[in-house]
Amino acid sequence: MLVGLLVVLLVGLAMVLWQPGLEVRDGRHDRGRNGIWLAHGWMGADEWFLQNRKTNQFGRYRDPESLRQLVEKMRRHHITDLFPHLCPADPAGRLPAWDPVRTERFLDATAGFRVIPWIGGPRGTSARIHRPEWRAAYAADVRLLLEQHPRLAGVQVNVEPLTSGDPDFLKFLEELRRAMPPGRILSVAAYPPPTRWQPSEEVHWDESFFRAVAERSDQMAVMMYDVGQQSSKAYQHLMASWTAEVLAWSAGKPVLLGLPAYDDAGVGYHDPKVENLQTGLRGIHRGLSKSPLPDNYQGVVLYSDWEMDEAEWTLFREEFVKGE
């Protein structure tokens, strides 16, 4: 019994002393090229507000002062890549309706930023990437969007869930690339590497598939959350490991490391007391501190603007953003 008690005490002490994360306040990992996922309302047409009973939010997204405040906040936090939601696709392969006038006004206000609409949808229902005719229709619609709005920097593909090794997704990226006007960015909302703590191929990509996606893309924005962790230290350790892995696996393409800033409490895959902005940042800081910053490290990407509160913005400035 004494031996057993000693083992328990030693394990407990080791956990207390273990520091898998790293607090950094000097901005050393901020390259000034961070990203954020934005809400649908910035580009969405009236249909979206009506269908989702959000007509009371017209002002939030269409008032010039709201747009000015958004831009000011993005500049203050060194965010350059804006990913406004334009999901989900419909079963026929069409993008949701966007408002051309509002989109151009958004682009006027965000001059100097890269606006990259976030497109895709649930695999198999709205995103029917296994069907050639769906892929062709979708690629044509994406081309139309980018031709109508030449100032859009590109698109970001997000299909969920997506099993590692899915050959249809690779075909989808190849066909989308061919359809896009030259010089536009093809970004991917990518899944993190496998982990024993969540052994699901639907939400984790192995090295071979991650590299294959990266080779067909211009940017990887890795969703490093929703992994069902019950320990903050375990999550920080996972973030540190993933940081090194995805930067090594991305075929030299720019990488944004995804951070959770949302409160999906009561679900099995996410505990906001464990997976949050602070624990995620400290894990990333640890991972980035193990070696010189690689050239393909672009920065971090926040999920999401509509979930960030003032306390989280303050924390982000204090523990990540480089001072002037």
Protein backbone atom coordinates (compact mmCIF):
# COMPACT_ATOMS: atom_id res chain seq x y z
CA MET A 1 0.00 0.00 0.00
CA LEU A 2 2.86 2.36 0.81
CA VAL A 3 4.48 1.67 -2.57
CA GLY A 4 1.18 2.31 -4.33
CA LEU A 5 0.64 5.54 -2.42
CA LEU A 6 4.16 6.68 -3.27
CA VAL A 7 3.57 6.01 -6.97
CA VAL A 8 0.35 8.02 -6.87
CA LEU A 9 2.11 10.91 -5.12
CA LEU A 10 4.98 10.89 -7.59
CA VAL A 11 2.62 10.86 -10.57
CA GLY A 12 0.63 13.71 -9.03
CA LEU A 13 3.79 15.71 -8.37
CA ALA A 14 4.99 15.11 -11.92
CA MET A 15 1.70 16.43 -13.30
CA VAL A 16 1.95 19.54 -11.13
CA LEU A 17 5.52 20.22 -12.24
CA TRP A 18 4.92 19.37 -15.92
CA GLN A 19 4.72 22.52 -18.03
CA PRO A 20 3.84 21.46 -21.60
CA GLY A 21 2.80 24.99 -22.52
CA LEU A 22 4.79 28.20 -22.61
CA GLU A 23 3.61 31.70 -21.79
CA VAL A 24 5.05 34.24 -24.24
CA ARG A 25 4.35 37.96 -23.98
CA ASP A 26 7.00 39.53 -26.20
CA GLY A 27 5.26 38.86 -29.53
CA ARG A 28 8.13 36.74 -30.88
CA HIS A 29 5.76 34.40 -32.73
CA ASP A 30 3.60 37.10 -34.31
CA ARG A 31 4.57 37.66 -37.94
CA GLY A 32 1.72 40.09 -38.47
CA ARG A 33 -0.09 37.82 -40.95
CA ASN A 34 -2.74 36.11 -38.84
CA GLY A 35 -6.23 35.01 -39.87
CA ILE A 36 -9.77 34.77 -38.57
CA TRP A 37 -13.01 33.04 -39.55
CA LEU A 38 -15.86 35.54 -39.98
CA ALA A 39 -19.64 35.18 -39.95
CA HIS A 40 -21.90 34.68 -42.98
CA GLY A 41 -23.57 38.07 -42.73
CA TRP A 42 -20.67 40.07 -44.18
CA MET A 43 -21.20 38.65 -47.69
CA GLY A 44 -24.51 36.82 -47.43
CA ALA A 45 -27.57 37.87 -49.40
CA ASP A 46 -30.94 38.67 -47.85
CA GLU A 47 -32.02 35.03 -48.24
CA TRP A 48 -29.60 33.94 -45.49
CA PHE A 49 -30.94 36.47 -43.00
CA LEU A 50 -34.53 35.50 -43.80
CA GLN A 51 -34.01 31.72 -43.76
CA ASN A 52 -32.13 31.83 -40.47
CA ARG A 53 -34.40 34.41 -38.82
CA LYS A 54 -31.55 36.86 -38.41
CA THR A 55 -33.14 39.95 -39.93
CA ASN A 56 -32.51 41.65 -36.59
CA GLN A 57 -28.79 41.41 -37.44
CA PHE A 58 -28.90 43.43 -40.67
CA GLY A 59 -27.39 46.38 -38.87
CA ARG A 60 -24.60 44.35 -37.34
CA TYR A 61 -23.27 43.38 -40.76
CA ARG A 62 -24.45 46.18 -43.02
CA ASP A 63 -23.91 49.28 -40.97
CA PRO A 64 -20.79 51.18 -42.14
CA GLU A 65 -19.74 51.79 -38.55
CA SER A 66 -19.82 48.05 -37.76
CA LEU A 67 -17.60 47.41 -40.76
CA ARG A 68 -15.21 50.19 -39.72
CA GLN A 69 -14.94 48.72 -36.22
CA LEU A 70 -14.25 45.25 -37.63
CA VAL A 71 -11.43 46.55 -39.83
CA GLU A 72 -9.93 48.52 -36.96
CA LYS A 73 -9.99 45.46 -34.73
CA MET A 74 -8.35 43.30 -37.38
CA ARG A 75 -5.54 45.81 -37.88
CA ARG A 76 -4.96 46.16 -34.15
CA HIS A 77 -4.51 42.41 -33.81
CA HIS A 78 -2.31 41.94 -36.90
CA ILE A 79 -4.93 39.92 -38.77
CA THR A 80 -4.54 40.05 -42.54
CA ASP A 81 -6.47 36.99 -43.81
CA LEU A 82 -10.25 37.24 -43.49
CA PHE A 83 -12.36 34.12 -44.08
CA PRO A 84 -16.03 35.18 -44.33
CA HIS A 85 -18.44 32.24 -44.21
CA LEU A 86 -20.09 31.30 -47.52
CA CYS A 87 -21.34 27.81 -46.65
CA PRO A 88 -22.92 25.37 -47.06
CA ALA A 89 -23.08 24.36 -50.69
CA ASP A 90 -26.42 23.12 -51.95
CA PRO A 91 -26.92 19.53 -53.19
CA ALA A 92 -26.71 20.68 -56.80
CA GLY A 93 -23.26 22.23 -56.32
CA ARG A 94 -24.16 25.90 -55.91
CA LEU A 95 -22.70 28.36 -53.45
CA PRO A 96 -25.10 30.16 -51.11
CA ALA A 97 -26.35 33.43 -52.52
CA TRP A 98 -24.07 36.38 -51.87
CA ASP A 99 -24.87 40.07 -52.08
CA PRO A 100 -22.69 41.60 -54.83
CA VAL A 101 -23.13 45.17 -53.60
CA ARG A 102 -22.36 44.32 -49.97
CA THR A 103 -19.43 42.17 -51.05
CA GLU A 104 -17.89 45.08 -52.96
CA ARG A 105 -18.45 47.42 -50.01
CA PHE A 106 -16.77 44.88 -47.76
CA LEU A 107 -13.83 44.75 -50.16
CA ASP A 108 -13.68 48.56 -50.26
CA ALA A 109 -13.43 48.69 -46.47
CA THR A 110 -10.90 45.85 -46.22
CA ALA A 111 -8.42 47.12 -48.79
CA GLY A 112 -5.00 45.78 -47.84
CA PHE A 113 -6.44 42.59 -46.37
CA ARG A 114 -6.81 39.23 -48.11
CA VAL A 115 -10.51 38.32 -48.23
CA ILE A 116 -10.86 34.58 -48.82
CA PRO A 117 -14.45 33.28 -48.57
CA TRP A 118 -14.82 30.11 -46.53
CA ILE A 119 -16.74 27.60 -48.65
CA GLY A 120 -17.76 23.92 -48.47
CA GLY A 121 -20.17 22.08 -46.22
CA PRO A 122 -20.98 18.71 -44.65
CA ARG A 123 -19.47 15.79 -46.57
CA GLY A 124 -22.05 13.75 -48.44
CA THR A 125 -25.09 15.94 -47.83
CA SER A 126 -24.37 19.41 -49.16
CA ALA A 127 -20.76 18.79 -50.19
CA ARG A 128 -21.17 15.87 -52.58
CA ILE A 129 -17.57 15.74 -53.63
CA HIS A 130 -17.91 12.08 -54.66
CA ARG A 131 -20.07 13.12 -57.63
CA PRO A 132 -18.22 14.47 -60.72
CA GLU A 133 -21.23 16.54 -61.80
CA TRP A 134 -21.43 18.18 -58.38
CA ARG A 135 -17.73 19.03 -58.41
CA ALA A 136 -18.04 20.54 -61.89
CA ALA A 137 -21.03 22.70 -60.93
CA TYR A 138 -19.34 23.84 -57.75
CA ALA A 139 -16.08 24.75 -59.47
CA ALA A 140 -18.04 26.78 -62.02
CA ASP A 141 -19.83 28.68 -59.27
CA VAL A 142 -16.56 29.41 -57.48
CA ARG A 143 -15.10 30.74 -60.72
CA LEU A 144 -18.16 32.97 -61.16
CA LEU A 145 -17.72 34.36 -57.64
CA LEU A 146 -14.05 35.15 -58.22
CA GLU A 147 -14.65 36.66 -61.66
CA GLN A 148 -17.45 38.89 -60.36
CA HIS A 149 -15.23 40.09 -57.51
CA PRO A 150 -11.62 40.25 -58.73
CA ARG A 151 -10.44 41.68 -55.41
CA LEU A 152 -11.26 38.45 -53.58
CA ALA A 153 -7.91 36.81 -52.86
CA GLY A 154 -9.25 33.28 -53.33
CA VAL A 155 -11.36 30.71 -51.50
CA GLN A 156 -10.91 28.43 -48.53
CA VAL A 157 -12.34 24.90 -48.72
CA ASN A 158 -13.83 23.36 -45.57
CA VAL A 159 -15.51 19.95 -45.87
CA GLU A 160 -16.48 18.18 -42.64
CA PRO A 161 -16.04 15.42 -41.71
CA LEU A 162 -13.38 14.27 -44.13
CA THR A 163 -11.70 10.92 -43.76
CA SER A 164 -7.94 10.79 -44.17
CA GLY A 165 -7.05 9.45 -47.59
CA ASP A 166 -10.29 10.54 -49.31
CA PRO A 167 -9.42 10.46 -53.06
CA ASP A 168 -12.52 12.48 -54.00
CA PHE A 169 -11.28 15.44 -51.99
CA LEU A 170 -8.00 15.44 -53.88
CA LYS A 171 -9.90 15.38 -57.19
CA PHE A 172 -12.08 18.21 -55.91
CA LEU A 173 -9.04 20.37 -55.12
CA GLU A 174 -7.45 19.64 -58.50
CA GLU A 175 -10.64 20.53 -60.40
CA LEU A 176 -11.20 23.63 -58.30
CA ARG A 177 -7.65 24.79 -58.97
CA ARG A 178 -8.15 24.44 -62.73
CA ALA A 179 -11.38 26.42 -62.60
CA MET A 180 -10.07 29.32 -60.52
CA PRO A 181 -8.69 32.43 -62.22
CA PRO A 182 -4.88 32.61 -62.16
CA GLY A 183 -3.21 34.05 -59.10
CA ARG A 184 -5.99 33.26 -56.63
CA ILE A 185 -5.33 31.47 -53.34
CA LEU A 186 -6.69 27.99 -52.73
CA SER A 187 -6.72 27.65 -48.96
CA VAL A 188 -7.84 24.55 -47.04
CA ALA A 189 -9.32 24.29 -43.55
CA ALA A 190 -7.25 21.22 -42.70
CA TYR A 191 -7.46 18.58 -40.01
CA PRO A 192 -4.69 17.99 -37.46
CA PRO A 193 -2.56 14.82 -37.25
CA PRO A 194 -3.83 11.62 -35.61
CA THR A 195 -3.80 11.31 -31.84
CA ARG A 196 -4.41 8.37 -29.54
CA TRP A 197 -6.76 10.58 -27.53
CA GLN A 198 -9.23 10.79 -30.43
CA PRO A 199 -8.63 7.90 -32.84
CA SER A 200 -10.96 8.97 -35.65
CA GLU A 201 -9.85 9.16 -39.28
CA GLU A 202 -12.79 11.47 -40.02
CA VAL A 203 -11.26 14.40 -38.13
CA HIS A 204 -7.52 13.67 -38.36
CA TRP A 205 -5.25 13.39 -41.38
CA ASP A 206 -2.17 11.20 -41.50
CA GLU A 207 1.09 12.57 -42.89
CA SER A 208 0.64 11.14 -46.37
CA PHE A 209 -2.81 12.66 -46.88
CA PHE A 210 -1.89 15.96 -45.22
CA ARG A 211 1.04 16.31 -47.64
CA ALA A 212 -1.16 15.38 -50.61
CA VAL A 213 -3.66 18.10 -49.71
CA ALA A 214 -0.90 20.65 -49.12
CA GLU A 215 0.63 19.91 -52.52
CA ARG A 216 -2.68 20.85 -54.14
CA SER A 217 -3.19 23.99 -52.05
CA ASP A 218 -1.66 27.40 -51.40
CA GLN A 219 -2.35 27.60 -47.68
CA MET A 220 -3.22 25.23 -44.83
CA ALA A 221 -5.35 26.59 -41.96
CA VAL A 222 -5.27 23.73 -39.46
CA MET A 223 -8.26 23.24 -37.14
CA MET A 224 -6.40 22.30 -33.94
CA TYR A 225 -9.41 21.85 -31.64
CA ASP A 226 -12.51 19.73 -30.96
CA VAL A 227 -10.37 16.84 -29.73
CA GLY A 228 -12.31 15.99 -26.57
CA GLN A 229 -9.44 16.67 -24.15
CA GLN A 230 -10.17 16.58 -20.41
CA SER A 231 -6.86 18.07 -19.26
CA SER A 232 -5.53 21.52 -20.13
CA LYS A 233 -1.94 20.29 -19.90
CA ALA A 234 -2.66 17.35 -22.19
CA TYR A 235 -4.22 19.74 -24.72
CA GLN A 236 -1.21 22.07 -24.56
CA HIS A 237 1.11 19.11 -25.12
CA LEU A 238 -0.97 18.04 -28.11
CA MET A 239 -0.89 21.57 -29.56
CA ALA A 240 2.88 21.72 -29.20
CA SER A 241 3.29 18.38 -30.98
CA TRP A 242 0.83 19.27 -33.74
CA THR A 243 2.54 22.61 -34.34
CA ALA A 244 5.80 20.90 -35.21
CA GLU A 245 4.10 18.18 -37.27
CA VAL A 246 1.87 20.32 -39.49
CA LEU A 247 4.68 22.74 -40.27
CA ALA A 248 6.87 19.81 -41.32
CA TRP A 249 4.10 18.13 -43.33
CA SER A 250 2.79 21.11 -45.31
CA ALA A 251 5.08 20.77 -48.36
CA GLY A 252 6.46 24.23 -47.67
CA LYS A 253 3.03 25.91 -48.00
CA PRO A 254 2.08 28.69 -45.57
CA VAL A 255 0.46 27.37 -42.40
CA LEU A 256 -2.01 29.06 -40.07
CA LEU A 257 -2.42 27.31 -36.71
CA GLY A 258 -6.09 27.22 -35.69
CA LEU A 259 -7.07 28.34 -32.17
CA PRO A 260 -10.40 27.77 -30.38
CA ALA A 261 -12.26 30.82 -29.11
CA TYR A 262 -15.78 29.49 -28.66
CA ASP A 263 -17.90 27.95 -25.92
CA ASP A 264 -19.50 24.72 -27.13
CA ALA A 265 -20.03 23.47 -23.58
CA GLY A 266 -21.82 20.17 -22.98
CA VAL A 267 -20.58 18.40 -26.10
CA GLY A 268 -18.26 15.41 -25.98
CA TYR A 269 -15.71 16.76 -28.41
CA HIS A 270 -15.00 20.13 -26.78
CA ASP A 271 -14.65 21.45 -23.24
CA PRO A 272 -14.10 25.23 -23.30
CA LYS A 273 -12.40 25.07 -19.90
CA VAL A 274 -9.74 22.85 -21.49
CA GLU A 275 -9.64 23.87 -25.16
CA ASN A 276 -9.57 27.63 -25.24
CA LEU A 277 -7.57 30.54 -26.56
CA GLN A 278 -5.07 30.63 -23.69
CA THR A 279 -4.31 26.90 -23.52
CA GLY A 280 -4.10 26.72 -27.30
CA LEU A 281 -1.72 29.67 -27.52
CA ARG A 282 0.56 28.32 -24.84
CA GLY A 283 0.79 24.96 -26.57
CA ILE A 284 1.62 26.65 -29.86
CA HIS A 285 4.24 28.83 -28.18
CA ARG A 286 5.90 25.70 -26.79
CA GLY A 287 5.88 24.01 -30.18
CA LEU A 288 7.30 27.06 -31.96
CA SER A 289 10.01 27.55 -29.33
CA LYS A 290 11.67 24.20 -29.95
CA SER A 291 13.46 25.40 -33.09
CA PRO A 292 13.85 28.54 -35.24
CA LEU A 293 10.60 29.62 -36.88
CA PRO A 294 10.23 27.87 -40.24
CA ASP A 295 9.66 30.00 -43.31
CA ASN A 296 6.23 28.45 -43.93
CA TYR A 297 4.87 29.45 -40.52
CA GLN A 298 2.43 32.28 -41.32
CA GLY A 299 0.73 32.75 -37.95
CA VAL A 300 -2.43 31.73 -36.13
CA VAL A 301 -6.08 31.75 -37.17
CA LEU A 302 -8.92 32.38 -34.71
CA TYR A 303 -12.20 30.52 -34.64
CA SER A 304 -14.11 32.70 -34.57
CA ASP A 305 -14.79 36.45 -34.67
CA TRP A 306 -18.41 36.13 -33.56
CA GLU A 307 -17.36 34.09 -30.50
CA MET A 308 -14.46 36.33 -29.39
CA ASP A 309 -15.25 38.60 -26.44
CA GLU A 310 -13.23 41.54 -25.12
CA ALA A 311 -11.46 39.39 -22.53
CA GLU A 312 -10.27 37.05 -25.28
CA TRP A 313 -9.10 39.93 -27.47
CA THR A 314 -7.14 41.30 -24.51
CA LEU A 315 -5.59 37.90 -23.85
CA PHE A 316 -4.66 37.57 -27.53
CA ARG A 317 -2.89 40.93 -27.46
CA GLU A 318 -1.07 40.12 -24.23
CA GLU A 319 0.01 36.59 -25.10
CA PHE A 320 0.57 36.76 -28.84
CA VAL A 321 0.44 40.12 -30.64
CA LYS A 322 3.73 41.91 -31.08
CA GLY A 323 3.78 45.43 -29.69
CA GLU A 324 4.34 48.43 -31.90
